Amino acid sequence: MPSALRLDGIRRSFGRKEVLRGVTATAETGKVIGLLGRNGEGKSTLFKILLDLLEPDAGTVEVLGERPDGSGRLRRRIGYVPEKPVFHDFLNAGEVLDWRARFFPDWDDARARGLMASLKLDPATRVRGASKGQLAKLAWVCATAHDPDLLLLDEPTSGLDALVREEVLDGLIGELHAGGKTILIANHRMEELGGILDEVWVLSGGVLSAVVELERLRAEACLVTARLHDWSARPDVPGAVPVPSERPLAAWAAFSREAADRLAASGGLEVVERRPLALPEALKYLLEDTGGYDA
């Protein structure tokens, strides 16, 4: 099965600021991938490149087996939810869908109306004066009504109340994943996606510093604590990141069983203890690890 995404050495600068500094990754068709990164790390820039809205300065991009060419043709096969959805404010929600349908040959009006009903979004809702949550719901419908092969979701649950957020995540994304869709999600609340993600990509310093299988992270991530004989020789092990501790104890977040074993065998440690890390903790520490770790 061909890959849904192939990125090789993607670079992009704005003036003197280099935002992407050589992003390389492959996403298999049907995978749900979480894109984890701090604000300003280039997540939205990467999405715009995948959407054929922005051309990289260097590197090659393949999306659904095609090279973006500036024509926008690829966007017919992609569903996109931006962090801050924007629509013509003189339209209502139903009119927005009618307008969008003109640009997508595979637009399914029945599906669009069904999604609006399930999200309790009134077609008569005016864009001008709509709440953040209502705009987020409308963005969801616009992104999925044409049955896209790839979904790019930039903070997709932003503005949704807890009940709708759970419905969207457990229902809509689950349905799309079951249908073989490839989904790339950037989300600050990555722990709420734990039930649907296959992988996590960590974007840090303009590159992917880690690519981790979520099930392995959930099963093997642990906090390693030990008494350290010589703090100047604190072990530096790939796949583990130091975390705050009180001397004489040192602590690391290890993202795999192998990384924890390498720490224990590194020398200079005694009374090594391990405890499992909950997924939110592991993701937080993973974001701090910029050592280029793959698991």
Protein backbone atom coordinates (compact mmCIF):
# COMPACT_ATOMS: atom_id res chain seq x y z
CA MET A 1 0.00 0.00 0.00
CA PRO A 2 1.48 3.40 -0.97
CA SER A 3 2.29 5.98 1.67
CA ALA A 4 -0.17 8.81 2.18
CA LEU A 5 2.59 11.31 2.97
CA ARG A 6 6.27 11.48 2.11
CA LEU A 7 8.38 14.37 3.32
CA ASP A 8 12.08 14.56 2.60
CA GLY A 9 14.23 17.40 3.91
CA ILE A 10 11.46 20.02 3.95
CA ARG A 11 12.76 23.52 4.70
CA ARG A 12 10.84 26.76 4.91
CA SER A 13 11.92 30.22 6.05
CA PHE A 14 10.12 33.52 6.52
CA GLY A 15 12.68 36.25 6.08
CA ARG A 16 15.65 35.30 8.23
CA LYS A 17 13.64 32.96 10.43
CA GLU A 18 13.95 29.32 9.40
CA VAL A 19 10.83 27.58 10.67
CA LEU A 20 11.27 24.13 9.12
CA ARG A 21 14.85 22.93 8.97
CA GLY A 22 14.70 19.56 7.23
CA VAL A 23 11.49 17.70 8.10
CA THR A 24 11.60 14.08 6.94
CA ALA A 25 8.76 11.64 7.58
CA THR A 26 6.49 9.02 6.04
CA ALA A 27 2.86 8.39 6.94
CA GLU A 28 1.34 5.07 5.98
CA THR A 29 -2.15 5.07 4.49
CA GLY A 30 -4.83 4.64 7.15
CA LYS A 31 -2.70 5.82 10.08
CA VAL A 32 -3.83 8.40 12.64
CA ILE A 33 -0.83 10.51 13.62
CA GLY A 34 -0.55 13.15 16.31
CA LEU A 35 1.74 16.10 15.56
CA LEU A 36 3.14 17.36 18.86
CA GLY A 37 5.01 20.62 19.17
CA ARG A 38 5.14 23.90 21.03
CA ASN A 39 3.66 27.07 19.58
CA GLY A 40 5.84 28.48 16.82
CA GLU A 41 7.47 25.16 15.92
CA GLY A 42 5.98 25.17 12.41
CA LYS A 43 2.96 22.86 12.64
CA SER A 44 0.68 25.25 10.74
CA THR A 45 3.44 25.94 8.19
CA LEU A 46 3.78 22.21 7.56
CA PHE A 47 0.02 21.89 7.07
CA LYS A 48 0.02 24.72 4.52
CA ILE A 49 2.77 22.96 2.56
CA LEU A 50 0.76 19.71 2.56
CA LEU A 51 -2.30 21.66 1.40
CA ASP A 52 -0.39 23.15 -1.56
CA LEU A 53 -0.90 26.62 -0.10
CA LEU A 54 2.80 27.19 0.53
CA GLU A 55 5.86 26.04 -1.38
CA PRO A 56 8.86 24.72 0.58
CA ASP A 57 12.24 26.36 0.06
CA ALA A 58 13.86 22.95 -0.25
CA GLY A 59 12.97 19.27 -0.07
CA THR A 60 10.34 17.11 -1.72
CA VAL A 61 6.71 16.50 -0.78
CA GLU A 62 4.33 13.76 -1.90
CA VAL A 63 0.70 13.85 -0.77
CA LEU A 64 -1.52 10.90 -1.68
CA GLY A 65 0.99 9.93 -4.35
CA GLU A 66 1.07 13.38 -5.97
CA ARG A 67 3.50 16.28 -5.89
CA PRO A 68 1.88 19.62 -4.93
CA ASP A 69 2.11 21.83 -8.02
CA GLY A 70 0.47 25.07 -6.94
CA SER A 71 -2.80 24.30 -8.73
CA GLY A 72 -4.68 23.38 -5.57
CA ARG A 73 -5.99 20.22 -7.25
CA LEU A 74 -4.83 18.13 -4.28
CA ARG A 75 -7.15 19.97 -1.92
CA ARG A 76 -10.11 18.13 -3.42
CA ARG A 77 -8.78 14.98 -1.74
CA ILE A 78 -7.95 16.61 1.60
CA GLY A 79 -10.10 17.72 4.50
CA TYR A 80 -8.66 20.56 6.58
CA VAL A 81 -9.74 21.98 9.92
CA PRO A 82 -7.73 25.12 10.74
CA GLU A 83 -7.11 26.25 14.29
CA LYS A 84 -9.14 29.42 13.65
CA PRO A 85 -11.83 28.73 11.01
CA VAL A 86 -12.84 31.73 8.88
CA PHE A 87 -15.95 31.96 6.71
CA HIS A 88 -17.75 34.78 4.87
CA ASP A 89 -19.60 36.49 7.70
CA PHE A 90 -22.63 37.42 5.56
CA LEU A 91 -23.56 33.72 5.07
CA ASN A 92 -25.31 31.28 7.32
CA ALA A 93 -24.04 27.74 7.94
CA GLY A 94 -26.22 26.16 5.26
CA GLU A 95 -25.10 28.71 2.68
CA VAL A 96 -21.46 28.06 3.58
CA LEU A 97 -21.98 24.38 2.74
CA ASP A 98 -23.73 25.21 -0.53
CA TRP A 99 -20.82 27.46 -1.50
CA ARG A 100 -18.21 24.87 -0.52
CA ALA A 101 -19.98 22.16 -2.52
CA ARG A 102 -19.16 23.99 -5.76
CA PHE A 103 -15.44 23.30 -5.31
CA PHE A 104 -15.62 19.59 -4.45
CA PRO A 105 -16.92 17.16 -7.10
CA ASP A 106 -17.35 14.44 -4.45
CA TRP A 107 -19.29 16.64 -2.03
CA ASP A 108 -22.03 14.62 -0.30
CA ASP A 109 -24.82 16.99 0.70
CA ALA A 110 -26.69 14.31 2.64
CA ARG A 111 -23.58 13.58 4.67
CA ALA A 112 -23.00 17.28 5.30
CA ARG A 113 -26.55 17.77 6.57
CA GLY A 114 -26.29 14.63 8.70
CA LEU A 115 -23.10 15.86 10.32
CA MET A 116 -24.72 19.20 11.06
CA ALA A 117 -27.60 17.41 12.74
CA SER A 118 -25.31 15.17 14.82
CA LEU A 119 -23.32 18.20 15.96
CA LYS A 120 -26.55 20.12 16.67
CA LEU A 121 -25.56 22.92 14.30
CA ASP A 122 -28.54 24.82 12.90
CA PRO A 123 -28.13 25.55 9.14
CA ALA A 124 -29.63 28.98 9.80
CA THR A 125 -26.80 29.95 12.17
CA ARG A 126 -25.23 33.16 10.89
CA VAL A 127 -21.43 33.21 10.65
CA ARG A 128 -21.48 36.76 11.95
CA GLY A 129 -22.19 36.32 15.63
CA ALA A 130 -21.52 32.57 15.72
CA SER A 131 -19.66 31.23 18.72
CA LYS A 132 -16.20 29.72 18.49
CA GLY A 133 -17.72 26.30 19.05
CA GLN A 134 -20.27 26.76 16.26
CA LEU A 135 -17.52 27.80 13.83
CA ALA A 136 -15.47 24.79 14.85
CA LYS A 137 -18.42 22.50 14.15
CA LEU A 138 -18.95 24.11 10.75
CA ALA A 139 -15.26 23.60 9.96
CA TRP A 140 -15.61 19.90 10.81
CA VAL A 141 -18.51 19.51 8.39
CA CYS A 142 -16.68 21.40 5.62
CA ALA A 143 -13.61 19.19 6.09
CA THR A 144 -15.39 15.84 5.88
CA ALA A 145 -18.45 16.16 3.63
CA HIS A 146 -16.47 15.39 0.46
CA ASP A 147 -15.13 12.08 1.82
CA PRO A 148 -11.42 13.07 1.77
CA ASP A 149 -8.58 10.56 1.68
CA LEU A 150 -6.47 12.68 4.03
CA LEU A 151 -7.51 14.80 6.99
CA LEU A 152 -5.28 17.58 8.31
CA LEU A 153 -6.59 18.78 11.67
CA ASP A 154 -5.01 21.81 13.35
CA GLU A 155 -6.36 21.96 16.92
CA PRO A 156 -9.65 20.32 15.82
CA THR A 157 -11.31 20.37 19.25
CA SER A 158 -10.58 24.02 19.94
CA GLY A 159 -13.77 25.78 21.00
CA LEU A 160 -15.83 22.62 21.45
CA ASP A 161 -17.49 21.91 24.78
CA ALA A 162 -16.59 18.66 26.51
CA LEU A 163 -19.65 16.75 25.29
CA VAL A 164 -19.22 17.67 21.62
CA ARG A 165 -15.46 17.19 21.83
CA GLU A 166 -15.94 13.63 23.02
CA GLU A 167 -18.55 12.98 20.32
CA VAL A 168 -16.25 14.29 17.60
CA LEU A 169 -13.20 12.38 18.77
CA ASP A 170 -14.85 9.06 19.56
CA GLY A 171 -17.37 9.07 16.73
CA LEU A 172 -16.28 11.06 13.73
CA ILE A 173 -12.55 10.35 13.80
CA GLY A 174 -13.18 6.73 14.69
CA GLU A 175 -15.50 6.37 11.71
CA LEU A 176 -12.99 7.97 9.35
CA HIS A 177 -10.13 5.83 10.63
CA ALA A 178 -12.22 2.70 10.19
CA GLY A 179 -12.71 3.72 6.57
CA GLY A 180 -8.98 3.82 5.90
CA LYS A 181 -8.54 7.57 6.04
CA THR A 182 -5.12 8.98 6.91
CA ILE A 183 -5.32 11.63 9.63
CA LEU A 184 -2.67 14.06 10.84
CA ILE A 185 -3.71 15.92 13.99
CA ALA A 186 -2.00 18.80 15.77
CA ASN A 187 -3.51 19.19 19.22
CA HIS A 188 -2.39 20.74 22.50
CA ARG A 189 -4.50 18.18 24.38
CA MET A 190 -2.80 15.17 22.83
CA GLU A 191 -3.71 12.94 25.77
CA GLU A 192 -7.40 13.15 24.79
CA LEU A 193 -6.49 11.52 21.47
CA GLY A 194 -4.78 8.54 23.08
CA GLY A 195 -7.54 6.14 22.09
CA ILE A 196 -7.26 6.81 18.35
CA LEU A 197 -3.61 7.65 17.61
CA ASP A 198 -1.23 5.18 16.00
CA GLU A 199 1.88 7.38 16.15
CA VAL A 200 3.12 10.65 17.57
CA TRP A 201 5.48 12.91 15.62
CA VAL A 202 7.34 15.46 17.72
CA LEU A 203 8.21 18.66 15.86
CA SER A 204 10.99 20.50 17.66
CA GLY A 205 13.68 22.85 16.43
CA GLY A 206 12.32 22.70 12.89
CA VAL A 207 12.76 18.92 12.55
CA LEU A 208 10.95 15.79 13.67
CA SER A 209 12.89 14.98 16.82
CA ALA A 210 10.88 11.84 17.61
CA VAL A 211 8.55 9.37 15.92
CA VAL A 212 6.89 7.08 18.45
CA GLU A 213 4.35 4.28 18.26
CA LEU A 214 1.67 5.23 20.77
CA GLU A 215 0.91 1.71 22.01
CA ARG A 216 4.58 1.17 22.75
CA LEU A 217 4.79 4.51 24.53
CA ARG A 218 1.72 3.67 26.60
CA ALA A 219 3.05 0.21 27.52
CA GLU A 220 6.73 0.98 28.12
CA ALA A 221 7.20 4.63 29.14
CA CYS A 222 8.47 4.86 32.69
CA LEU A 223 10.13 7.16 35.20
CA VAL A 224 13.60 5.91 36.17
CA THR A 225 15.04 7.14 39.47
CA ALA A 226 18.41 6.25 40.93
CA ARG A 227 21.13 7.44 43.28
CA LEU A 228 23.86 9.04 41.19
CA HIS A 229 27.48 8.77 42.30
CA ASP A 230 28.88 11.52 40.07
CA TRP A 231 26.54 14.26 38.82
CA SER A 232 29.14 15.45 36.33
CA ALA A 233 28.84 12.05 34.62
CA ARG A 234 25.06 11.93 34.46
CA PRO A 235 24.18 9.37 31.74
CA ASP A 236 22.87 10.65 28.41
CA VAL A 237 20.83 7.88 26.80
CA PRO A 238 18.83 8.14 23.53
CA GLY A 239 15.14 7.71 24.25
CA ALA A 240 15.34 9.14 27.77
CA VAL A 241 15.22 12.71 29.01
CA PRO A 242 16.33 14.01 32.44
CA VAL A 243 13.51 15.33 34.62
CA PRO A 244 13.69 17.50 37.77
CA SER A 245 14.67 15.66 40.95
CA GLU A 246 16.23 16.31 44.33
CA ARG A 247 19.79 15.20 44.93
CA PRO A 248 21.18 12.69 45.52
CA LEU A 249 18.45 11.12 43.39
CA ALA A 250 18.41 11.62 39.63
CA ALA A 251 15.44 10.94 37.41
CA TRP A 252 14.74 10.32 33.72
CA ALA A 253 11.64 9.77 31.63
CA ALA A 254 12.37 6.74 29.46
CA PHE A 255 10.14 6.20 26.43
CA SER A 256 10.89 2.52 25.87
CA ARG A 257 11.98 -0.52 27.83
CA GLU A 258 15.30 -0.50 25.96
CA ALA A 259 16.01 3.09 26.97
CA ALA A 260 15.31 2.27 30.62
CA ASP A 261 17.57 -0.79 30.40
CA ARG A 262 20.38 1.29 28.89
CA LEU A 263 20.09 3.77 31.75
CA ALA A 264 20.27 1.02 34.34
CA ALA A 265 23.33 -0.49 32.64
CA SER A 266 25.12 2.82 32.05
CA GLY A 267 27.19 2.68 35.24
CA GLY A 268 27.36 5.13 38.10
CA LEU A 269 23.79 4.43 39.26
CA GLU A 270 22.57 2.49 42.24
CA VAL A 271 19.17 1.52 43.61
CA VAL A 272 17.48 1.98 40.24
CA GLU A 273 13.69 2.14 40.42
CA ARG A 274 11.09 2.34 37.68
CA ARG A 275 7.44 3.35 37.72
CA PRO A 276 5.06 3.52 34.76
CA LEU A 277 4.39 6.94 33.25
CA ALA A 278 0.81 7.90 32.46
CA LEU A 279 0.32 8.90 28.84
CA PRO A 280 -0.08 12.67 29.56
CA GLU A 281 3.21 12.63 31.50
CA ALA A 282 4.99 10.68 28.80
CA LEU A 283 3.80 13.08 26.09
CA LYS A 284 4.88 16.09 28.13
CA TYR A 285 8.37 14.71 28.62
CA LEU A 286 8.55 13.51 25.02
CA LEU A 287 8.09 17.09 23.88
CA GLU A 288 11.15 18.04 25.94
CA ASP A 289 13.29 15.36 24.31
CA THR A 290 15.00 16.78 21.22
CA GLY A 291 17.55 14.06 20.79
CA GLY A 292 16.18 12.52 17.60
CA TYR A 293 14.59 9.42 19.09
CA ASP A 294 12.63 6.82 17.12
CA ALA A 295 10.67 3.98 18.70
